[in-house]
Protein backbone atom coordinates (compact mmCIF):
# COMPACT_ATOMS: atom_id res chain seq x y z
CA LEU A 1 103.62 67.26 98.13
CA THR A 2 104.54 68.18 101.68
CA LEU A 3 103.20 68.44 105.19
CA ASP A 4 106.43 70.16 106.24
CA PRO A 5 106.73 73.96 106.01
CA ASP A 6 110.53 73.78 105.70
CA PRO A 7 111.63 76.23 102.97
CA ALA A 8 114.16 73.59 101.83
CA ILE A 9 111.30 72.03 99.87
CA ILE A 10 111.60 74.91 97.42
CA ALA A 11 115.24 74.12 96.66
CA ALA A 12 114.42 70.43 96.37
CA ALA A 13 111.51 71.11 94.01
CA THR A 14 113.64 73.39 91.85
CA ALA A 15 116.54 70.89 91.76
CA MET A 16 114.27 68.11 90.52
CA GLY A 17 112.69 70.32 87.86
CA ALA A 18 109.27 70.44 89.49
CA ILE A 19 106.79 73.07 88.32
CA ALA A 20 104.95 73.37 91.63
CA VAL A 21 105.00 72.75 95.35
CA ASP A 22 101.89 71.20 96.94
CA VAL A 23 101.62 72.18 100.61
CA HIS A 24 99.06 71.02 103.17
CA TYR A 25 97.00 74.12 103.96
CA PRO A 26 97.57 74.26 107.76
CA VAL A 27 101.31 74.77 107.30
CA LEU A 28 101.06 77.27 104.44
CA ASP A 29 101.81 80.83 105.48
CA THR A 30 102.70 84.08 103.73
CA ALA A 31 106.46 83.56 104.00
CA LEU A 32 106.35 80.10 102.44
CA ALA A 33 103.87 81.17 99.75
CA ASP A 34 106.02 84.18 98.84
CA ALA A 35 109.17 82.03 98.71
CA VAL A 36 107.50 79.47 96.42
CA LYS A 37 106.32 82.20 94.06
CA ALA A 38 109.71 83.96 94.13
CA ALA A 39 111.31 80.69 93.00
CA GLY A 40 109.03 80.70 89.97
CA LEU A 41 107.02 77.69 91.11
CA ASP A 42 103.27 77.27 91.14
CA LEU A 43 101.70 76.83 94.56
CA TYR A 44 99.17 74.09 95.23
CA THR A 45 97.45 73.20 98.47
CA PHE A 46 95.23 70.40 99.62
CA THR A 47 92.02 69.96 101.56
CA PRO A 48 90.97 73.44 102.69
CA ASN A 49 87.35 72.29 102.70
CA THR A 50 85.57 75.45 103.85
CA PRO A 51 84.81 78.72 102.04
CA ARG A 52 86.84 80.67 104.63
CA LEU A 53 89.90 78.50 104.08
CA LEU A 54 89.46 78.57 100.30
CA HIS A 55 89.54 82.36 100.29
CA ALA A 56 92.49 82.42 102.70
CA MET A 57 94.42 80.19 100.29
CA ALA A 58 93.50 82.45 97.36
CA ALA A 59 94.80 85.43 99.33
CA LEU A 60 98.14 83.62 99.69
CA GLY A 61 98.35 83.24 95.91
CA VAL A 62 97.58 79.53 95.69
CA ASP A 63 97.20 78.40 92.08
CA ILE A 64 95.37 75.10 92.60
CA VAL A 65 93.35 73.72 95.51
CA THR A 66 92.68 70.02 95.97
CA THR A 67 89.51 69.46 97.97
CA ASP A 68 87.43 66.52 99.10
CA ARG A 69 84.30 68.53 98.30
CA PRO A 70 84.58 70.26 94.90
CA ASP A 71 80.82 69.93 94.37
CA TRP A 72 80.08 71.83 97.57
CA LEU A 73 82.99 74.30 97.54
CA LEU A 74 82.87 75.28 93.86
CA PRO A 75 80.10 77.89 94.26
CA HIS A 76 82.25 79.64 96.88
CA ALA A 77 85.19 79.80 94.48
CA ALA A 78 83.41 82.01 91.95
CA PRO A 79 85.09 85.25 93.14
CA VAL A 80 88.46 83.55 92.63
CA SER A 81 88.28 82.70 88.94
CA SER A 82 91.49 80.69 88.62
CA LEU A 83 90.59 78.52 91.61
CA ALA A 84 87.02 78.18 90.32
CA ALA A 85 88.30 76.90 86.99
CA ALA A 86 90.63 74.39 88.63
CA MET A 87 87.89 73.20 90.98
CA ALA A 88 85.39 72.86 88.13
CA ILE A 89 87.83 70.57 86.36
CA ALA A 90 88.29 68.54 89.53
CA ALA A 91 84.52 68.23 89.93
CA ASP A 92 84.08 67.18 86.30
CA PRO A 93 87.32 66.34 84.46
CA ARG A 94 85.47 66.46 81.13
CA GLN A 95 85.39 70.26 81.49
CA GLY A 96 89.19 70.34 81.46
CA LEU A 97 89.33 68.06 78.46
CA ALA A 98 86.80 70.19 76.58
CA SER A 99 88.68 73.40 77.36
CA GLY A 100 92.13 71.98 76.72
CA LEU A 101 93.22 72.71 80.31
CA VAL A 102 94.13 69.08 81.02
């Protein structure tokens, strides 16, 4: 989990055996997203609470979005199936349990 766009977070995450890097959306850019993916890590981001930002994060290759408003944002995630699935689980964790995703 980071608010800092320093690429050193990728080396730190890899060294500790992390499976993902969680970056605050305002500091996430193409270079950082590409570097995270190139390191074989999943890319998470938090609180892009508008449809425009959600789709911008999907375009960067984000795997999971944490939002304060999954109930409101979920309908806008439909074109981005992987994000929609993750957001549906966040909105109702029982869906993840039923599907075996969590």
